[in-house]
Structure formats: structure tokens, C-alpha cells
PDB file of N, CA and C in Angstrom:
ATOM      1  N   MET A   1       3.136   5.310  -7.256  1.00  0.00           N
ATOM      2  CA  MET A   1       4.534   5.067  -6.990  1.00  0.00           C
ATOM      3  C   MET A   1       4.493   4.190  -5.853  1.00  0.00           C
ATOM      4  N   VAL A   2       3.561   4.201  -5.002  1.00  0.00           N
ATOM      5  CA  VAL A   2       3.539   3.455  -3.682  1.00  0.00           C
ATOM      6  C   VAL A   2       3.418   1.917  -4.129  1.00  0.00           C
ATOM      7  N   GLY A   3       2.886   1.604  -5.237  1.00  0.00           N
ATOM      8  CA  GLY A   3       2.812   0.134  -5.707  1.00  0.00           C
ATOM      9  C   GLY A   3       4.237  -0.532  -5.892  1.00  0.00           C
ATOM     10  N   VAL A   4       5.159   0.335  -5.936  1.00  0.00           N
ATOM     11  CA  VAL A   4       6.636  -0.219  -6.193  1.00  0.00           C
ATOM     12  C   VAL A   4       6.993  -1.085  -4.917  1.00  0.00           C
ATOM     13  N   VAL A   5       6.663  -0.564  -3.663  1.00  0.00           N
ATOM     14  CA  VAL A   5       7.129  -1.250  -2.521  1.00  0.00           C
ATOM     15  C   VAL A   5       6.657  -2.827  -2.574  1.00  0.00           C
ATOM     16  N   PRO A   6       5.360  -3.148  -2.730  1.00  0.00           N
ATOM     17  CA  PRO A   6       5.128  -4.578  -2.629  1.00  0.00           C
ATOM     18  C   PRO A   6       5.737  -5.297  -3.869  1.00  0.00           C
ATOM     19  N   VAL A   7       5.988  -4.658  -4.903  1.00  0.00           N
ATOM     20  CA  VAL A   7       6.519  -5.354  -6.075  1.00  0.00           C
ATOM     21  C   VAL A   7       7.949  -5.770  -5.665  1.00  0.00           C
ATOM     22  N   LEU A   8       8.708  -4.665  -5.076  1.00  0.00           N
ATOM     23  CA  LEU A   8      10.108  -4.955  -4.579  1.00  0.00           C
ATOM     24  C   LEU A   8      10.168  -6.187  -3.560  1.00  0.00           C
ATOM     25  N   LEU A   9       9.229  -6.162  -2.624  1.00  0.00           N
ATOM     26  CA  LEU A   9       9.246  -7.013  -1.529  1.00  0.00           C
ATOM     27  C   LEU A   9       8.826  -8.403  -1.884  1.00  0.00           C
ATOM     28  N   LEU A  10       8.046  -8.586  -2.972  1.00  0.00           N
ATOM     29  CA  LEU A  10       7.543 -10.022  -3.407  1.00  0.00           C
ATOM     30  C   LEU A  10       8.350 -10.378  -4.591  1.00  0.00           C
ATOM     31  N   ARG A  11       9.455  -9.774  -4.881  1.00  0.00           N
ATOM     32  CA  ARG A  11      10.208 -10.180  -6.124  1.00  0.00           C
ATOM     33  C   ARG A  11      10.677 -11.707  -6.044  1.00  0.00           C
ATOM     34  N   SER A  12      10.713 -12.457  -7.134  1.00  0.00           N
ATOM     35  CA  SER A  12      11.248 -13.797  -6.979  1.00  0.00           C
ATOM     36  C   SER A  12      11.769 -14.076  -8.398  1.00  0.00           C
ATOM     37  N   SER A  13      12.447 -15.153  -8.535  1.00  0.00           N
ATOM     38  CA  SER A  13      13.120 -15.433  -9.827  1.00  0.00           C
ATOM     39  C   SER A  13      11.998 -15.459 -11.025  1.00  0.00           C
ATOM     40  N   GLN A  14      10.846 -16.010 -10.707  1.00  0.00           N
ATOM     41  CA  GLN A  14       9.806 -16.132 -11.652  1.00  0.00           C
ATOM     42  C   GLN A  14       9.201 -14.760 -12.090  1.00  0.00           C
ATOM     43  N   SER A  15       9.401 -13.842 -11.091  1.00  0.00           N
ATOM     44  CA  SER A  15       8.507 -12.521 -11.568  1.00  0.00           C
ATOM     45  C   SER A  15       9.602 -11.395 -11.883  1.00  0.00           C
ATOM     46  N   LYS A  16      10.874 -11.628 -11.997  1.00  0.00           N
ATOM     47  CA  LYS A  16      11.798 -10.531 -12.260  1.00  0.00           C
ATOM     48  C   LYS A  16      11.484  -9.894 -13.580  1.00  0.00           C
ATOM     49  N   TRP A  17      11.029 -10.547 -14.618  1.00  0.00           N
ATOM     50  CA  TRP A  17      10.644  -9.742 -15.821  1.00  0.00           C
ATOM     51  C   TRP A  17       9.426  -8.916 -15.619  1.00  0.00           C
ATOM     52  N   PHE A  18       8.472  -9.450 -14.888  1.00  0.00           N
ATOM     53  CA  PHE A  18       7.255  -8.488 -14.576  1.00  0.00           C
ATOM     54  C   PHE A  18       7.687  -7.453 -13.815  1.00  0.00           C
ATOM     55  N   MET A  19       8.540  -7.574 -12.908  1.00  0.00           N
ATOM     56  CA  MET A  19       9.011  -6.484 -11.957  1.00  0.00           C
ATOM     57  C   MET A  19       9.787  -5.416 -12.834  1.00  0.00           C
ATOM     58  N   GLY A  20      10.535  -5.955 -13.766  1.00  0.00           N
ATOM     59  CA  GLY A  20      11.197  -5.029 -14.592  1.00  0.00           C
ATOM     60  C   GLY A  20      10.289  -4.197 -15.473  1.00  0.00           C
ATOM     61  N   GLY A  21       9.251  -4.766 -16.062  1.00  0.00           N
ATOM     62  CA  GLY A  21       8.122  -3.960 -16.717  1.00  0.00           C
ATOM     63  C   GLY A  21       7.530  -2.969 -15.904  1.00  0.00           C
ATOM     64  N   TYR A  22       7.133  -3.421 -14.723  1.00  0.00           N
ATOM     65  CA  TYR A  22       6.577  -2.481 -13.711  1.00  0.00           C
ATOM     66  C   TYR A  22       7.386  -1.323 -13.412  1.00  0.00           C
ATOM     67  N   LEU A  23       8.586  -1.526 -13.188  1.00  0.00           N
ATOM     68  CA  LEU A  23       9.534  -0.562 -12.815  1.00  0.00           C
ATOM     69  C   LEU A  23       9.813   0.393 -14.102  1.00  0.00           C
ATOM     70  N   LEU A  24       9.741  -0.031 -15.256  1.00  0.00           N
ATOM     71  CA  LEU A  24       9.738   0.876 -16.325  1.00  0.00           C
ATOM     72  C   LEU A  24       8.474   1.780 -16.417  1.00  0.00           C
ATOM     73  N   LEU A  25       7.478   1.046 -16.068  1.00  0.00           N
ATOM     74  CA  LEU A  25       6.168   2.003 -16.151  1.00  0.00           C
ATOM     75  C   LEU A  25       6.264   3.023 -14.945  1.00  0.00           C
ATOM     76  N   CYS A  26       6.877   2.705 -13.944  1.00  0.00           N
ATOM     77  CA  CYS A  26       7.070   3.743 -12.778  1.00  0.00           C
ATOM     78  C   CYS A  26       7.998   4.852 -13.434  1.00  0.00           C
ATOM     79  N   ALA A  27       9.058   4.432 -14.100  1.00  0.00           N
ATOM     80  CA  ALA A  27      10.058   5.466 -14.673  1.00  0.00           C
ATOM     81  C   ALA A  27       9.171   6.345 -15.680  1.00  0.00           C
ATOM     82  N   GLY A  28       8.449   5.711 -16.476  1.00  0.00           N
ATOM     83  CA  GLY A  28       7.420   6.498 -17.378  1.00  0.00           C
ATOM     84  C   GLY A  28       6.594   7.571 -16.578  1.00  0.00           C
ATOM     85  N   ALA A  29       5.971   6.926 -15.605  1.00  0.00           N
ATOM     86  CA  ALA A  29       5.154   7.904 -14.787  1.00  0.00           C
ATOM     87  C   ALA A  29       5.898   9.025 -14.123  1.00  0.00           C
ATOM     88  N   LEU A  30       7.217   8.696 -13.629  1.00  0.00           N
ATOM     89  CA  LEU A  30       7.962   9.814 -13.002  1.00  0.00           C
ATOM     90  C   LEU A  30       8.440  10.833 -14.047  1.00  0.00           C
ATOM     91  N   ALA A  31       8.708  10.380 -15.323  1.00  0.00           N
ATOM     92  CA  ALA A  31       9.140  11.127 -16.369  1.00  0.00           C
ATOM     93  C   ALA A  31       7.942  12.104 -16.863  1.00  0.00           C
ATOM     94  N   THR A  32       6.775  11.497 -16.791  1.00  0.00           N
ATOM     95  CA  THR A  32       5.618  12.404 -17.084  1.00  0.00           C
ATOM     96  C   THR A  32       5.517  13.506 -16.243  1.00  0.00           C
ATOM     97  N   ASN A  33       5.723  13.320 -14.916  1.00  0.00           N
ATOM     98  CA  ASN A  33       5.683  14.479 -13.963  1.00  0.00           C
ATOM     99  C   ASN A  33       6.853  15.397 -14.064  1.00  0.00           C
ATOM    100  N   LEU A  34       7.969  14.856 -14.380  1.00  0.00           N
ATOM    101  CA  LEU A  34       9.185  15.763 -14.435  1.00  0.00           C
ATOM    102  C   LEU A  34       9.142  16.487 -15.780  1.00  0.00           C
ATOM    103  N   GLU A  35       8.603  16.035 -16.768  1.00  0.00           N
ATOM    104  CA  GLU A  35       8.638  16.968 -18.112  1.00  0.00           C
ATOM    105  C   GLU A  35       7.849  18.256 -17.855  1.00  0.00           C
ATOM    106  N   ALA A  36       6.848  18.370 -17.057  1.00  0.00           N
ATOM    107  CA  ALA A  36       6.311  19.656 -16.707  1.00  0.00           C
ATOM    108  C   ALA A  36       7.181  20.623 -15.984  1.00  0.00           C
ATOM    109  N   LEU A  37       8.332  20.089 -15.255  1.00  0.00           N
ATOM    110  CA  LEU A  37       9.205  20.984 -14.689  1.00  0.00           C
ATOM    111  C   LEU A  37      10.360  21.463 -15.395  1.00  0.00           C
ATOM    112  N   ALA A  38      10.994  20.487 -16.098  1.00  0.00           N
ATOM    113  CA  ALA A  38      12.221  20.783 -16.854  1.00  0.00           C
ATOM    114  C   ALA A  38      12.411  19.822 -17.998  1.00  0.00           C
ATOM    115  N   PHE A  39      13.302  20.210 -18.970  1.00  0.00           N
ATOM    116  CA  PHE A  39      13.678  19.225 -19.972  1.00  0.00           C
ATOM    117  C   PHE A  39      12.488  18.516 -20.512  1.00  0.00           C
ATOM    118  N   GLY A  40      11.447  19.186 -20.968  1.00  0.00           N
ATOM    119  CA  GLY A  40      10.199  18.555 -21.321  1.00  0.00           C
ATOM    120  C   GLY A  40      10.364  17.596 -22.537  1.00  0.00           C
ATOM    121  N   ASP A  41      11.168  17.889 -23.587  1.00  0.00           N
ATOM    122  CA  ASP A  41      11.345  16.967 -24.656  1.00  0.00           C
ATOM    123  C   ASP A  41      12.185  15.811 -24.153  1.00  0.00           C
ATOM    124  N   LEU A  42      13.159  15.845 -23.379  1.00  0.00           N
ATOM    125  CA  LEU A  42      13.843  14.741 -22.885  1.00  0.00           C
ATOM    126  C   LEU A  42      13.026  13.782 -22.050  1.00  0.00           C
ATOM    127  N   PHE A  43      12.156  14.403 -21.044  1.00  0.00           N
ATOM    128  CA  PHE A  43      11.397  13.589 -20.362  1.00  0.00           C
ATOM    129  C   PHE A  43      10.280  12.974 -21.021  1.00  0.00           C
ATOM    130  N   ASN A  44       9.914  13.650 -22.052  1.00  0.00           N
ATOM    131  CA  ASN A  44       8.778  13.049 -22.999  1.00  0.00           C
ATOM    132  C   ASN A  44       9.246  11.935 -23.675  1.00  0.00           C
ATOM    133  N   ALA A  45      10.523  11.802 -24.138  1.00  0.00           N
ATOM    134  CA  ALA A  45      11.176  10.756 -24.761  1.00  0.00           C
ATOM    135  C   ALA A  45      11.350   9.410 -23.825  1.00  0.00           C
ATOM    136  N   VAL A  46      11.750   9.918 -22.590  1.00  0.00           N
ATOM    137  CA  VAL A  46      11.851   8.815 -21.574  1.00  0.00           C
ATOM    138  C   VAL A  46      10.526   8.187 -21.395  1.00  0.00           C
ATOM    139  N   GLU A  47       9.591   8.979 -21.195  1.00  0.00           N
ATOM    140  CA  GLU A  47       8.176   8.551 -20.927  1.00  0.00           C
ATOM    141  C   GLU A  47       7.756   7.526 -22.014  1.00  0.00           C
ATOM    142  N   HIS A  48       7.791   7.980 -23.096  1.00  0.00           N
ATOM    143  CA  HIS A  48       7.404   7.088 -24.338  1.00  0.00           C
ATOM    144  C   HIS A  48       8.373   5.895 -24.645  1.00  0.00           C
ATOM    145  N   GLY A  49       9.641   6.163 -24.496  1.00  0.00           N
ATOM    146  CA  GLY A  49      10.624   5.113 -24.776  1.00  0.00           C
ATOM    147  C   GLY A  49      10.671   4.110 -23.697  1.00  0.00           C
ATOM    148  N   ALA A  50      10.849   4.510 -22.490  1.00  0.00           N
ATOM    149  CA  ALA A  50      11.024   3.540 -21.448  1.00  0.00           C
ATOM    150  C   ALA A  50       9.635   3.153 -20.743  1.00  0.00           C
ATOM    151  N   GLY A  51       8.802   4.166 -20.610  1.00  0.00           N
ATOM    152  CA  GLY A  51       7.509   3.942 -19.890  1.00  0.00           C
ATOM    153  C   GLY A  51       6.563   3.084 -20.737  1.00  0.00           C
ATOM    154  N   ILE A  52       6.513   3.302 -21.955  1.00  0.00           N
ATOM    155  CA  ILE A  52       5.552   2.698 -22.841  1.00  0.00           C
ATOM    156  C   ILE A  52       6.244   1.519 -23.712  1.00  0.00           C
ATOM    157  N   ALA A  53       7.093   1.925 -24.534  1.00  0.00           N
ATOM    158  CA  ALA A  53       7.703   1.023 -25.496  1.00  0.00           C
ATOM    159  C   ALA A  53       8.466  -0.138 -24.839  1.00  0.00           C
ATOM    160  N   ALA A  54       9.358   0.197 -23.980  1.00  0.00           N
ATOM    161  CA  ALA A  54      10.266  -0.848 -23.390  1.00  0.00           C
ATOM    162  C   ALA A  54       9.467  -1.635 -22.444  1.00  0.00           C
ATOM    163  N   SER A  55       8.616  -1.092 -21.636  1.00  0.00           N
ATOM    164  CA  SER A  55       7.795  -1.930 -20.626  1.00  0.00           C
ATOM    165  C   SER A  55       6.804  -2.873 -21.366  1.00  0.00           C
ATOM    166  N   GLY A  56       6.345  -2.478 -22.578  1.00  0.00           N
ATOM    167  CA  GLY A  56       5.520  -3.394 -23.344  1.00  0.00           C
ATOM    168  C   GLY A  56       6.324  -4.529 -23.878  1.00  0.00           C
ATOM    169  N   ILE A  57       7.633  -4.275 -24.380  1.00  0.00           N
ATOM    170  CA  ILE A  57       8.503  -5.370 -24.813  1.00  0.00           C
ATOM    171  C   ILE A  57       8.869  -6.254 -23.564  1.00  0.00           C
ATOM    172  N   VAL A  58       9.154  -5.684 -22.407  1.00  0.00           N
ATOM    173  CA  VAL A  58       9.465  -6.519 -21.240  1.00  0.00           C
ATOM    174  C   VAL A  58       8.274  -7.311 -20.776  1.00  0.00           C
ATOM    175  N   PHE A  59       7.168  -6.789 -20.691  1.00  0.00           N
ATOM    176  CA  PHE A  59       5.891  -7.532 -20.305  1.00  0.00           C
ATOM    177  C   PHE A  59       5.695  -8.673 -21.363  1.00  0.00           C
ATOM    178  N   PHE A  60       5.921  -8.515 -22.586  1.00  0.00           N
ATOM    179  CA  PHE A  60       5.691  -9.524 -23.644  1.00  0.00           C
ATOM    180  C   PHE A  60       6.594 -10.612 -23.355  1.00  0.00           C
ATOM    181  N   ILE A  61       7.905 -10.276 -23.045  1.00  0.00           N
ATOM    182  CA  ILE A  61       8.852 -11.421 -22.677  1.00  0.00           C
ATOM    183  C   ILE A  61       8.564 -12.016 -21.602  1.00  0.00           C
ATOM    184  N   ALA A  62       8.145 -11.367 -20.455  1.00  0.00           N
ATOM    185  CA  ALA A  62       7.556 -11.944 -19.257  1.00  0.00           C
ATOM    186  C   ALA A  62       6.515 -12.970 -19.420  1.00  0.00           C
ATOM    187  N   ALA A  63       5.512 -12.545 -20.157  1.00  0.00           N
ATOM    188  CA  ALA A  63       4.377 -13.362 -20.401  1.00  0.00           C
ATOM    189  C   ALA A  63       4.760 -14.488 -21.177  1.00  0.00           C
ATOM    190  N   ARG A  64       5.681 -14.345 -22.102  1.00  0.00           N
ATOM    191  CA  ARG A  64       6.091 -15.435 -22.999  1.00  0.00           C
ATOM    192  C   ARG A  64       6.835 -16.600 -22.066  1.00  0.00           C
ATOM    193  N   LYS A  65       7.775 -16.114 -21.325  1.00  0.00           N
ATOM    194  CA  LYS A  65       8.469 -16.984 -20.410  1.00  0.00           C
ATOM    195  C   LYS A  65       7.710 -17.828 -19.356  1.00  0.00           C
ATOM    196  N   ARG A  66       6.673 -16.858 -18.818  1.00  0.00           N
ATOM    197  CA  ARG A  66       5.662 -17.682 -17.939  1.00  0.00           C
ATOM    198  C   ARG A  66       4.858 -18.563 -18.539  1.00  0.00           C
ATOM    199  N   SER A  67       4.555 -18.430 -19.658  1.00  0.00           N
ATOM    200  CA  SER A  67       3.584 -19.291 -20.510  1.00  0.00           C
ATOM    201  C   SER A  67       4.428 -20.700 -20.739  1.00  0.00           C
ATOM    202  N   ARG A  68       5.543 -20.478 -21.075  1.00  0.00           N
ATOM    203  CA  ARG A  68       6.476 -21.734 -21.283  1.00  0.00           C
ATOM    204  C   ARG A  68       6.600 -22.533 -20.139  1.00  0.00           C
ATOM    205  N   VAL A  69       6.859 -21.798 -18.933  1.00  0.00           N
ATOM    206  CA  VAL A  69       6.961 -22.471 -17.672  1.00  0.00           C
ATOM    207  C   VAL A  69       5.714 -23.268 -17.303  1.00  0.00           C
ATOM    208  N   LEU A  70       4.468 -22.573 -17.494  1.00  0.00           N
ATOM    209  CA  LEU A  70       3.378 -23.277 -17.170  1.00  0.00           C
ATOM    210  C   LEU A  70       3.030 -24.427 -18.230  1.00  0.00           C
ATOM    211  N   ALA A  71       3.480 -24.250 -19.320  1.00  0.00           N
ATOM    212  CA  ALA A  71       3.307 -25.300 -20.291  1.00  0.00           C
ATOM    213  C   ALA A  71       4.095 -26.586 -19.887  1.00  0.00           C
ATOM    214  N   LYS A  72       5.331 -26.270 -19.450  1.00  0.00           N
ATOM    215  CA  LYS A  72       6.264 -27.521 -19.067  1.00  0.00           C
ATOM    216  C   LYS A  72       5.721 -28.139 -17.771  1.00  0.00           C
ATOM    217  N   GLU A  73       5.084 -27.354 -16.816  1.00  0.00           N
ATOM    218  CA  GLU A  73       4.465 -27.832 -15.702  1.00  0.00           C
ATOM    219  C   GLU A  73       3.328 -28.643 -15.983  1.00  0.00           C
ATOM    220  N   ALA A  74       2.493 -28.383 -16.964  1.00  0.00           N
ATOM    221  CA  ALA A  74       1.394 -29.139 -17.256  1.00  0.00           C
ATOM    222  C   ALA A  74       1.597 -30.493 -17.948  1.00  0.00           C
ATOM    223  N   GLU A  75       2.825 -30.672 -18.528  1.00  0.00           N
ATOM    224  CA  GLU A  75       3.087 -31.848 -19.255  1.00  0.00           C
ATOM    225  C   GLU A  75       3.220 -32.968 -18.308  1.00  0.00           C
TER     226      GLU A  75
END
């Protein structure tokens, strides 16, 4: 969770999608720990829904947008 600090400090318009994916991974990690304490099924769903599935989709979008920007710059 300490890795959130540099991600938030170094955010830019180009990295906002990557930052979103990373924050979703952090939410999943937090949910993993919370599911042992209370509401196991709920936090398990959050872990897999937000932490894994949604972050994968967001990282895919981020990579796609970044590759398009780099392709335009190469022209």
C-alpha cells in the first residue's frame, strides 16, 4: 500500500488510466485483508471484481491509449 504515495504524487494526464488501475489493485489488496475480519463474501467479491477484473480492463484501456499516443508521435 506504500506504493500508492509515489503513484499519486507522479500522476499526469498521460498516466491517469494507469493510476486508476493501480488504485483498483490496491482496493483489491485491501479487500483481501478485510475479508478475513468481516463480511467475507462481500470483500471477496470486491477483491475479484474491482481488484482483478476491473483493474485488468482499466490497464488494457491504459495500454491501448498509450500505444495510440506513441504511434501518433512516431509518425
